[in-house]
Structures are given as C-alpha cells and as structure tokens.
Protein backbone atom coordinates (compact mmCIF):
# COMPACT_ATOMS: atom_id res chain seq x y z
CA MET A 1 -22.18 -15.43 11.22
CA GLY A 2 -18.37 -15.10 11.29
CA THR A 3 -15.85 -15.26 8.53
CA THR A 4 -14.77 -18.69 7.29
CA ARG A 5 -11.28 -20.03 6.56
CA GLN A 6 -11.41 -20.68 2.85
CA LEU A 7 -8.33 -18.86 1.48
CA GLY A 8 -4.80 -20.16 0.96
CA THR A 9 -1.23 -18.90 0.58
CA VAL A 10 -1.62 -18.05 -3.11
CA HIS A 11 -4.72 -15.95 -2.45
CA ALA A 12 -2.96 -14.04 0.33
CA ALA A 13 0.23 -13.50 -1.70
CA ALA A 14 -1.85 -12.28 -4.66
CA LEU A 15 -3.60 -9.81 -2.38
CA ILE A 16 -0.23 -8.43 -1.24
CA VAL A 17 1.00 -8.06 -4.83
CA ALA A 18 -2.16 -6.29 -5.95
CA SER A 19 -2.23 -4.11 -2.81
CA MET A 20 1.31 -2.91 -3.46
CA VAL A 21 1.35 -2.48 -7.23
CA GLY A 22 -0.80 0.64 -7.50
CA THR A 23 -0.22 4.28 -8.34
CA GLY A 24 3.13 4.64 -6.55
CA ILE A 25 5.38 2.58 -8.82
CA PHE A 26 4.14 4.36 -11.95
CA THR A 27 4.27 7.92 -10.59
CA THR A 28 6.93 8.31 -7.90
CA THR A 29 10.30 8.04 -9.64
CA GLY A 30 9.99 11.29 -11.59
CA VAL A 31 9.22 13.15 -8.36
CA LEU A 32 12.18 11.48 -6.66
CA LEU A 33 14.50 12.54 -9.47
CA SER A 34 13.53 16.17 -8.99
CA THR A 35 14.51 15.88 -5.30
CA LEU A 36 17.50 13.53 -5.34
CA ARG A 37 18.83 14.33 -8.85
CA SER A 38 20.72 11.02 -8.98
CA PRO A 39 19.45 7.81 -10.65
CA PRO A 40 21.69 5.62 -8.44
CA LEU A 41 20.34 7.33 -5.33
CA VAL A 42 16.78 6.86 -6.57
CA LEU A 43 17.42 3.12 -6.89
CA VAL A 44 19.01 3.06 -3.43
CA VAL A 45 15.89 4.67 -1.94
CA TRP A 46 13.66 2.11 -3.67
CA ALA A 47 15.89 -0.70 -2.37
CA LEU A 48 15.89 0.70 1.19
CA ALA A 49 12.11 0.93 1.15
CA GLY A 50 12.03 -2.69 -0.02
CA VAL A 51 14.22 -3.71 2.92
CA LEU A 52 11.88 -1.78 5.21
CA ALA A 53 8.87 -3.65 3.82
CA LEU A 54 10.60 -7.03 4.10
CA CYS A 55 11.59 -6.35 7.73
CA GLY A 56 8.04 -5.29 8.50
CA ALA A 57 6.65 -8.38 6.77
CA ALA A 58 8.89 -10.62 8.89
CA VAL A 59 7.48 -9.13 12.10
CA TYR A 60 3.89 -9.10 10.84
CA ALA A 61 4.23 -12.80 9.98
CA GLU A 62 4.75 -13.52 13.68
CA LEU A 63 1.92 -11.24 14.80
CA GLY A 64 -0.55 -12.57 12.24
CA ALA A 65 0.22 -16.21 12.99
CA MET A 66 -0.06 -15.48 16.72
CA MET A 67 -3.40 -13.67 16.32
CA PRO A 68 -5.13 -15.21 13.27
CA ARG A 69 -8.08 -12.83 13.22
CA ALA A 70 -9.30 -10.50 10.52
CA GLY A 71 -8.25 -6.92 11.23
CA GLY A 72 -4.48 -6.51 10.87
CA GLU A 73 -2.93 -3.76 13.01
CA TYR A 74 -6.18 -3.24 14.91
CA VAL A 75 -5.89 -6.74 16.37
CA TYR A 76 -2.17 -6.50 17.18
CA LEU A 77 -2.33 -3.06 18.80
CA SER A 78 -5.49 -3.86 20.77
CA ARG A 79 -3.79 -6.85 22.39
CA ALA A 80 -0.55 -5.01 23.12
CA PHE A 81 -1.84 -1.58 24.14
CA GLY A 82 -5.59 -1.84 24.67
CA PRO A 83 -8.73 -0.96 22.70
CA ALA A 84 -8.08 2.79 22.41
CA ILE A 85 -4.83 2.36 20.45
CA GLY A 86 -6.41 -0.43 18.44
CA PHE A 87 -9.31 1.84 17.55
CA LEU A 88 -6.89 4.55 16.39
CA SER A 89 -5.18 2.13 14.01
CA GLY A 90 -8.55 1.02 12.64
CA TRP A 91 -9.61 4.64 12.19
CA ILE A 92 -6.42 5.47 10.30
CA ALA A 93 -6.77 2.32 8.19
CA LEU A 94 -10.37 3.11 7.23
CA PHE A 95 -9.77 6.66 6.04
CA VAL A 96 -6.05 6.98 5.25
CA GLY A 97 -4.97 3.42 4.61
CA PHE A 98 -7.85 2.22 2.46
CA ALA A 99 -10.72 4.54 1.52
CA ALA A 100 -8.57 7.42 0.25
CA PRO A 101 -6.09 5.25 -1.72
CA THR A 102 -9.02 3.25 -3.11
CA ALA A 103 -10.53 6.44 -4.55
CA ALA A 104 -7.14 7.62 -5.80
CA GLY A 105 -6.48 4.29 -7.49
CA ALA A 106 -9.88 4.33 -9.17
CA LEU A 107 -9.38 7.89 -10.45
CA ALA A 108 -5.94 6.96 -11.77
CA PHE A 109 -7.51 3.90 -13.44
CA GLY A 110 -9.98 6.20 -15.16
CA ARG A 111 -7.21 8.46 -16.48
CA TYR A 112 -5.13 5.58 -17.82
CA LEU A 113 -8.17 3.89 -19.36
CA HIS A 114 -9.02 7.19 -21.06
CA ALA A 115 -5.55 7.18 -22.64
CA VAL A 116 -6.35 3.79 -24.19
CA ILE A 117 -10.06 4.39 -24.90
CA PRO A 118 -10.47 8.15 -25.46
CA TRP A 119 -14.28 8.02 -25.42
CA ALA A 120 -14.32 6.58 -21.87
CA PRO A 121 -14.89 9.47 -19.37
CA PRO A 122 -12.20 9.08 -16.65
CA GLN A 123 -14.39 9.87 -13.66
CA LEU A 124 -17.27 7.72 -14.86
CA ALA A 125 -14.88 4.83 -15.44
CA ALA A 126 -13.54 5.28 -11.90
CA LEU A 127 -17.03 5.20 -10.40
CA ALA A 128 -18.02 2.17 -12.48
CA LEU A 129 -14.91 0.29 -11.35
CA LEU A 130 -15.64 1.10 -7.70
CA ALA A 131 -19.27 0.05 -8.00
CA VAL A 132 -18.50 -3.27 -9.71
CA LEU A 133 -15.65 -4.29 -7.41
CA THR A 134 -17.55 -3.25 -4.29
CA ALA A 135 -20.43 -5.46 -5.39
CA VAL A 136 -18.06 -8.37 -6.06
CA HIS A 137 -16.42 -8.21 -2.64
CA MET A 138 -19.75 -7.69 -0.88
CA THR A 139 -21.06 -10.90 -2.41
CA ASP A 140 -18.53 -13.73 -2.23
CA VAL A 141 -15.14 -13.99 -0.52
CA ARG A 142 -13.86 -16.87 -2.61
CA PHE A 143 -14.90 -15.40 -5.96
CA GLY A 144 -13.37 -12.06 -4.93
CA ALA A 145 -10.14 -13.84 -3.96
CA SER A 146 -10.04 -15.71 -7.29
CA LEU A 147 -10.55 -12.44 -9.17
CA GLN A 148 -7.79 -10.89 -7.08
CA THR A 149 -5.41 -13.75 -7.84
CA THR A 150 -6.08 -13.50 -11.58
CA LEU A 151 -5.52 -9.74 -11.66
CA ALA A 152 -2.29 -10.04 -9.66
CA ALA A 153 -0.96 -12.77 -11.98
CA LEU A 154 -1.73 -10.65 -15.05
CA VAL A 155 -0.06 -7.60 -13.56
CA VAL A 156 3.13 -9.51 -12.74
CA ALA A 157 3.20 -11.20 -16.16
CA LEU A 158 2.67 -7.95 -18.04
CA ALA A 159 5.21 -6.04 -15.93
CA VAL A 160 7.84 -8.73 -16.54
CA THR A 161 7.00 -8.67 -20.26
CA PHE A 162 7.47 -4.89 -20.33
CA VAL A 163 10.88 -5.16 -18.63
CA VAL A 164 12.05 -7.91 -20.98
CA ALA A 165 10.77 -6.09 -24.08
CA ALA A 166 12.42 -2.85 -22.95
CA LEU A 167 15.79 -4.52 -22.45
CA ALA A 168 15.45 -6.40 -25.73
CA SER A 169 14.86 -3.12 -27.57
CA GLY A 170 18.36 -1.95 -26.68
CA ARG A 171 17.26 1.69 -26.90
CA GLY A 172 18.29 2.69 -23.41
CA ASP A 173 21.65 3.76 -22.03
CA TRP A 174 23.24 2.01 -19.06
CA HIS A 175 25.32 5.11 -18.30
CA ARG A 176 22.10 6.80 -17.16
CA LEU A 177 21.94 4.41 -14.21
CA THR A 178 25.44 5.32 -13.02
CA ALA A 179 25.27 9.08 -13.51
CA GLY A 180 26.25 10.98 -10.36
CA ALA A 181 24.22 13.53 -8.50
CA ALA A 182 26.38 16.46 -9.56
CA GLY A 183 24.70 19.11 -11.66
CA ALA A 184 21.11 20.11 -12.00
CA VAL A 185 18.48 18.97 -14.46
CA ALA A 186 15.58 20.87 -15.89
CA GLY A 187 12.99 21.38 -13.22
CA GLY A 188 15.26 19.91 -10.56
CA ALA A 189 17.24 21.35 -7.73
CA ALA A 190 19.54 24.27 -8.19
CA ALA A 191 23.01 23.51 -9.42
CA GLY A 192 25.45 22.76 -6.67
CA SER A 193 22.83 22.05 -4.07
CA THR A 194 23.40 19.12 -1.74
CA VAL A 195 21.14 16.13 -1.28
CA THR A 196 20.39 16.09 2.45
CA ALA A 197 19.36 13.38 4.88
CA GLY A 198 16.00 15.14 5.04
CA SER A 199 15.44 14.83 1.29
CA ILE A 200 16.33 11.13 1.45
CA ALA A 201 13.88 10.66 4.33
CA VAL A 202 11.10 12.39 2.38
CA GLY A 203 12.01 10.25 -0.62
CA LEU A 204 11.60 7.15 1.53
CA VAL A 205 8.16 8.38 2.61
CA TYR A 206 7.20 8.87 -1.04
CA VAL A 207 8.34 5.37 -1.89
CA SER A 208 6.77 3.87 1.23
CA TYR A 209 3.41 4.79 -0.29
CA ALA A 210 4.26 2.60 -3.28
CA TYR A 211 5.22 -0.23 -0.92
CA SER A 212 2.17 0.17 1.33
CA GLY A 213 0.06 -2.96 1.10
CA TRP A 214 2.80 -5.42 2.10
CA ASN A 215 0.78 -5.97 5.27
CA GLY A 216 -2.50 -6.59 3.42
CA ALA A 217 -2.61 -10.33 4.05
CA GLY A 218 -2.70 -9.70 7.80
CA TYR A 219 -6.20 -8.29 7.40
CA LEU A 220 -7.36 -11.67 6.08
CA ALA A 221 -5.68 -13.86 8.70
CA GLY A 222 -9.09 -14.91 10.03
CA GLU A 223 -10.02 -16.29 6.60
CA LEU A 224 -6.81 -18.23 5.86
CA ARG A 225 -6.52 -21.98 6.12
CA ASP A 226 -3.62 -22.79 8.47
CA PRO A 227 -2.65 -19.12 9.03
CA GLY A 228 0.46 -20.11 10.99
CA ARG A 229 1.98 -21.38 7.74
CA ALA A 230 0.06 -19.54 5.03
CA LEU A 231 0.49 -16.00 6.35
CA PRO A 232 4.31 -15.98 6.77
CA ARG A 233 4.74 -17.59 3.35
CA ALA A 234 2.38 -15.10 1.70
CA LEU A 235 4.07 -12.10 3.32
CA ALA A 236 7.54 -13.24 2.26
CA LEU A 237 6.49 -14.29 -1.24
CA GLY A 238 4.34 -11.26 -2.04
CA THR A 239 6.65 -8.61 -0.57
CA GLY A 240 9.80 -10.17 -2.03
CA LEU A 241 8.26 -10.49 -5.49
CA VAL A 242 7.07 -6.88 -5.57
CA THR A 243 10.41 -5.55 -4.28
CA ALA A 244 12.23 -7.31 -7.14
CA LEU A 245 9.62 -6.09 -9.63
CA TYR A 246 9.90 -2.49 -8.40
CA LEU A 247 13.67 -2.46 -8.73
CA ALA A 248 13.49 -3.92 -12.24
CA LEU A 249 10.82 -1.43 -13.38
CA ASN A 250 12.69 1.53 -11.93
CA ALA A 251 15.94 0.44 -13.55
CA VAL A 252 14.13 0.32 -16.90
CA PHE A 253 12.50 3.73 -16.34
CA LEU A 254 15.86 5.35 -15.54
CA TRP A 255 17.66 3.47 -18.33
CA SER A 256 15.09 4.39 -20.96
CA ALA A 257 15.43 8.17 -21.20
CA PRO A 258 17.60 11.08 -20.03
CA ARG A 259 16.92 12.54 -16.61
CA SER A 260 15.65 15.73 -18.23
CA ALA A 261 12.80 13.74 -19.80
CA LEU A 262 11.84 12.03 -16.53
CA VAL A 263 12.45 14.51 -13.74
CA GLY A 264 9.26 15.86 -12.20
CA GLN A 265 7.08 13.68 -14.44
CA VAL A 266 4.12 12.13 -12.63
CA GLU A 267 3.48 9.69 -15.49
CA VAL A 268 7.08 8.54 -15.60
CA ALA A 269 6.10 5.10 -16.92
CA ASN A 270 4.51 6.67 -19.99
CA ALA A 271 7.61 8.82 -20.56
CA ALA A 272 9.75 5.68 -20.48
CA ALA A 273 7.46 3.80 -22.86
CA LEU A 274 7.38 6.72 -25.29
CA ALA A 275 11.18 6.83 -25.36
CA LEU A 276 11.48 3.08 -25.93
CA PHE A 277 8.52 2.14 -28.11
CA GLY A 278 6.80 5.31 -29.30
CA PRO A 279 3.07 6.10 -28.99
CA ARG A 280 1.94 2.48 -29.40
CA GLY A 281 4.22 1.36 -26.63
CA ALA A 282 2.93 4.12 -24.39
CA MET A 283 -0.63 2.98 -25.08
CA LEU A 284 0.30 -0.61 -24.24
CA LEU A 285 1.83 0.51 -20.98
CA SER A 286 -1.26 2.56 -20.17
CA SER A 287 -3.25 -0.66 -20.52
CA LEU A 288 -0.85 -2.37 -18.10
CA VAL A 289 -1.16 0.44 -15.59
CA ALA A 290 -4.97 0.45 -15.87
CA LEU A 291 -5.01 -3.30 -15.17
CA ALA A 292 -2.66 -2.89 -12.22
CA LEU A 293 -4.82 -0.13 -10.80
CA ALA A 294 -7.96 -2.25 -11.14
CA GLY A 295 -6.18 -4.96 -9.16
CA PHE A 296 -5.08 -2.39 -6.59
CA VAL A 297 -8.65 -1.11 -6.10
CA SER A 298 -9.89 -4.69 -5.78
CA ALA A 299 -7.23 -5.46 -3.17
CA MET A 300 -8.13 -2.36 -1.15
CA LEU A 301 -11.80 -3.34 -1.16
CA MET A 302 -10.94 -6.88 -0.10
CA SER A 303 -8.48 -6.24 2.75
CA GLY A 304 -9.52 -2.84 4.13
CA PRO A 305 -13.03 -3.73 5.37
CA ARG A 306 -11.60 -6.51 7.57
CA GLY A 307 -10.27 -3.90 9.99
CA THR A 308 -13.69 -2.26 10.24
CA TYR A 309 -15.25 -5.72 10.65
CA ALA A 310 -12.92 -6.57 13.55
CA MET A 311 -13.64 -3.27 15.31
CA ALA A 312 -17.38 -3.82 14.99
CA GLU A 313 -17.05 -7.41 16.20
CA ASP A 314 -15.40 -6.06 19.38
CA GLY A 315 -18.13 -3.45 19.92
CA LEU A 316 -15.90 -0.49 19.02
CA PHE A 317 -17.89 0.39 15.91
CA PHE A 318 -21.41 -0.20 14.60
CA ARG A 319 -22.28 -3.85 15.26
CA ALA A 320 -23.99 -4.23 11.90
CA LEU A 321 -20.58 -3.90 10.23
CA ALA A 322 -19.57 -7.24 11.78
CA ARG A 323 -22.25 -9.17 9.89
CA THR A 324 -21.26 -11.53 7.10
CA ASN A 325 -23.39 -13.17 4.45
CA ALA A 326 -23.72 -16.89 3.71
CA ARG A 327 -20.55 -16.81 1.62
CA GLY A 328 -18.44 -15.24 4.35
CA ALA A 329 -18.25 -11.69 2.97
CA PRO A 330 -18.47 -8.80 5.50
CA THR A 331 -21.09 -7.16 3.32
CA LEU A 332 -21.74 -3.91 5.14
CA ALA A 333 -18.07 -3.29 5.99
CA VAL A 334 -17.15 -3.65 2.31
CA GLY A 335 -20.09 -1.46 1.38
CA LEU A 336 -18.95 1.27 3.78
CA GLN A 337 -15.46 1.45 2.34
CA GLY A 338 -16.80 1.33 -1.20
CA ALA A 339 -19.24 4.14 -0.43
CA LEU A 340 -16.50 6.33 1.09
CA ALA A 341 -14.31 5.76 -1.96
CA ILE A 342 -17.18 6.48 -4.36
CA VAL A 343 -17.97 9.77 -2.58
CA ALA A 344 -14.32 10.83 -2.77
CA ALA A 345 -14.05 9.88 -6.44
CA ALA A 346 -17.40 11.48 -7.37
CA THR A 347 -16.55 14.83 -5.80
CA ALA A 348 -13.07 14.77 -7.32
CA ALA A 349 -12.00 16.49 -4.09
CA PHE A 350 -9.38 13.90 -3.21
CA ASP A 351 -5.89 14.57 -4.45
CA PRO A 352 -3.60 11.98 -2.90
CA ILE A 353 -0.67 13.50 -1.04
CA LEU A 354 2.03 10.86 -0.89
CA VAL A 355 3.85 12.31 2.10
CA TYR A 356 0.65 12.54 4.17
CA VAL A 357 -0.44 8.98 3.46
CA GLY A 358 3.07 7.53 3.74
CA PHE A 359 3.79 9.41 6.98
CA THR A 360 0.55 8.35 8.67
CA LEU A 361 0.75 4.70 7.66
CA THR A 362 4.41 4.52 8.72
CA LEU A 363 3.34 5.56 12.22
CA THR A 364 0.77 2.75 12.38
CA ALA A 365 3.15 0.10 11.08
CA ALA A 366 5.87 1.20 13.51
CA MET A 367 3.42 0.87 16.40
CA ALA A 368 2.58 -2.68 15.28
CA VAL A 369 6.27 -3.61 15.29
CA ILE A 370 6.63 -2.08 18.78
CA ALA A 371 3.66 -4.26 19.76
CA ALA A 372 5.67 -7.33 18.75
CA PHE A 373 8.45 -6.32 21.19
CA VAL A 374 5.89 -5.63 23.94
CA LEU A 375 4.19 -9.00 23.47
CA ARG A 376 7.51 -10.87 23.37
CA ARG A 377 8.31 -9.42 26.79
CA ARG A 378 4.85 -9.57 28.35
CA GLU A 379 3.68 -12.89 26.89
CA PRO A 380 6.87 -14.91 26.36
CA ARG A 381 5.01 -18.23 26.54
CA ALA A 382 2.16 -17.31 24.20
CA ASP A 383 1.61 -19.64 21.28
CA ARG A 384 3.64 -18.36 18.30
CA PRO A 385 3.24 -20.77 15.36
CA HIS A 386 5.78 -18.64 13.48
CA ARG A 387 8.58 -16.46 14.85
CA ALA A 388 9.90 -13.43 12.98
CA LEU A 389 12.95 -14.24 10.87
CA GLY A 390 16.04 -12.32 11.89
CA TRP A 391 14.52 -11.19 15.20
CA PRO A 392 15.24 -8.75 16.75
CA LEU A 393 17.31 -7.27 13.91
CA THR A 394 14.34 -7.13 11.53
CA GLY A 395 12.17 -5.32 14.07
CA LEU A 396 14.93 -2.89 15.09
CA SER A 397 15.79 -2.16 11.45
CA PHE A 398 12.16 -1.40 10.68
CA LEU A 399 11.87 0.93 13.68
CA GLY A 400 15.18 2.63 12.86
CA LEU A 401 14.24 3.39 9.27
CA SER A 402 10.71 4.38 10.26
CA GLY A 403 11.99 6.74 12.95
CA PHE A 404 14.40 8.30 10.46
CA MET A 405 11.57 8.85 7.99
CA VAL A 406 9.08 10.23 10.49
CA ALA A 407 11.46 12.54 12.36
CA LEU A 408 12.96 14.16 9.28
CA SER A 409 9.58 14.30 7.50
CA ILE A 410 8.23 16.40 10.37
CA ARG A 411 11.14 18.80 9.83
CA GLU A 412 11.06 18.79 6.03
CA ARG A 413 7.28 18.60 5.45
CA PRO A 414 5.58 20.01 8.56
CA ALA A 415 2.21 20.58 6.85
CA GLU A 416 1.78 16.95 5.74
CA ALA A 417 3.12 15.64 9.06
CA THR A 418 0.71 17.88 10.95
CA ALA A 419 -2.19 16.57 8.83
CA GLY A 420 -1.16 13.02 9.73
CA LEU A 421 -0.97 13.83 13.44
CA LEU A 422 -4.35 15.58 13.24
CA THR A 423 -5.81 12.40 11.75
CA VAL A 424 -4.59 10.52 14.82
CA LEU A 425 -6.05 13.15 17.17
CA THR A 426 -9.38 13.04 15.32
CA GLY A 427 -9.46 9.28 15.83
CA ALA A 428 -8.75 9.72 19.54
CA ALA A 429 -11.66 12.16 19.82
CA ALA A 430 -13.93 9.78 17.89
CA TYR A 431 -13.03 6.95 20.28
CA ARG A 432 -13.92 9.04 23.33
CA ILE A 433 -17.22 10.11 21.79
CA TRP A 434 -18.04 6.54 20.81
CA ARG A 435 -17.33 5.09 24.24
CA ARG A 436 -19.46 7.74 25.91
CA ALA A 437 -22.38 7.60 23.48
CA ILE A 438 -22.61 3.85 22.83
CA PRO A 439 -22.73 1.40 25.74
CA ARG A 440 -20.39 -1.58 25.55
CA ALA A 441 -23.38 -3.90 25.52
CA GLN A 442 -24.66 -2.42 22.27
CA GLY A 443 -26.15 -4.76 19.75
C-alpha cells in the first residue's frame, strides 16, 4: 500500500517551520559572538544563511513539483545522477540529517523541561518524547500532520510574543546592535585579531544547522494534494517566515545584554531572558524552547522516514521499510528512525557537532541544486508544474555560498570536514555491499 495524498500547503509549511526551529536558534548566537566578536556581523551571517535557505527553497520547489514523490534529495539525485548518488543522499539523511538531530533535539528538550520542572529527569523526558512521537507518526499521517501544525503555530505565536514583550520592556540597548568588531570580549578572540573569511564561512556552517529543515516539505511531496502548487507555496511561506523570525529573535538576544554576558554561551536565549525579565522570564522562555524542540523532534520523525521509505520502494533498502498502514503512515520507516534516535539518546553518546552536521548537509543540498541544472539541460521538455523563481540566479547563489562554506570549512575545521567526508565514503561502501548482497529482485 503506498502513501496517500491527504496533506495541504498549511501542513507542509508547518512541517518546515517546526523542522527549522530547533536547537540552533537558541544556542548558536553565543558561539558566533565568540568567533566574530561583532553583533552586526552576527546578524549579517544569520541574514546570509536565510538568503541561502530561500535560494535553495526556490530550486527545491521546482524539483519537488517536477518529482512529487516522497523522499526529497534521494528522488532528485537518483533521477539526475543515478541510484548510487541517490542512495548516498538517503544514507546521509538517515543518520546525519534526521536520526542524530532527532536525538539531539530530544535531549535538549529534556534539559529545558528540567529547567521548568526540576523533578523531571532530562534523559527520561527525552526518551519519553521520542517514544510518544514515534508512536504517533507510525500510526496516522493526518493526525501526525495536525499535531505538527498545532506545535508549529504555538512556537511561532510564543516566539513573536517573546519578541514583542522584550521590546516592550525597554530594558535593552540599541547601541549593542551597532557595536563594531574592534576589541575583544571575555572568552572571545584576542584583542586586535581580525575576523577572516574562514571564520565567516564557519559561522555560516554553524547557522546553516539552525536553518536546516527548509527542505523538509520535499520529503512529503508524495503525500501532498496538488504538489505542483502546494509545495512551492509551503517552501516559500515556511522558509520566509522562519528567516524573519530568526532575525527578530537574534536582534532581541543581542539587544538584551552586553556581549560579555552572551559570548560563548550555549543557552544564549536564557541569558537574554534573564537580562530582560529575571528568573521568571527565563523559565517562561525555557518553556517556549521545550515546546519548539518537541515540534522539531516531531518534524524530524515525520519527514525523515520518507527518504528511507523511497529508497526501500526502489529496492535500495529493506523492502519492508516501504510498507504503509491503512492510514498511510510508513510504519517501519518511522520506527527505524525513532529507534536510532532512542538508542543515541539512551546512551547519551551523541553530542551534536554543528560544523559536522552543517557541512555534511550542505554537501547534499548543493548536489540537489546541481541536479536541477543537470535536469534543465538533459530534460528541457520535462513537465515542470513550477519553475524556480529567479532562475538561474537563485541556483548559482546557493552554489556560490555553499562552495564558500564548504571550501573554507575544510581549511578551518579539517576534523569535522573529514568526518563528513567519511560519512559519504561509508555510504558508498554500504551501497556496494548492498548491491552485491541483495539481488535487485528482492522482496
């Protein structure tokens, strides 16, 4: 039984919002300040990453409308470059793009919930969240989508409320947003040091982790009603909304407290809330973050398994993972991702490395955009219900920024870049083993 088309634009846009608003927005800015030392430059990096996401979304809108199947990059790369490259993207998505961030989001949820409810053990709360949401998405696609939409709406409403309340408090200082990069701050770079292109590139990779998820709706293209219209609208609406939200939140974070109180802080959102509203405000914000992280975990468990499902449907993974239940849910594919995330969260061995995840996913997204160029040339008369806005500028801009990030990240962070490249090589080895061990006629 295949998936059914029962989701609309709002469901897809909500998935994008929830997929993007996860750990990155609440943890990255303090790390960026320690590297860039300039609030204006931090905001520029967040804005550039937003442009990158919007350019990517424009191209993915064309690809998704052209190939309205569940699976995202796996589908696009398989058509453009063949099953081996498609398999690699699915492999990366399963382990780097979804399972690992799902576990990280759940563990972060547990920590933030513990701040609000001290008697709630963080790891147990993480495991409970994973178990409940895995069960939901294994059972019913439409109920899972409705839950996703509700969580995304609450996250946006609460984030907007926080921004408005912060500005209404009048306790920040606008001069903090215009302070130059000169001088060092506690825990930052040495005085007189220069911000390099390499540090900006690494900063973009950090922030790209926070923006990852803008392509989430593509994984559900096979379940959207009228995907030629719904998918482009969802990509533009969801990505644009989150970009605006990110810039507003970061402006408030940087406006709320001196750099010395924010630089190097992982929980930068809590530091901002403490400065503006005191302990009660920090607790309220912790509740907001916990809710956002629950939505993020739900989004990962909804979109991620569709790539595994598509691979199994094509005989490139275990056929059983392509089965769906009576309500259209790819039960075993969701269960696999949930199980991987639960194992990672239970062992507490997973410590998300932003550069590694951002670097690896940037490679995959760049390949998908290259696929759009390849298909435009090779299949000029193929049915394209939607064409990328701003083509080819949007595609070239995405590839230019991605190349800048990847090349300088290899120079600046060779260990994390090597880990990302090893992930790709491991996937290539797995594909060769699979094709040799399992006949194409399996199942």
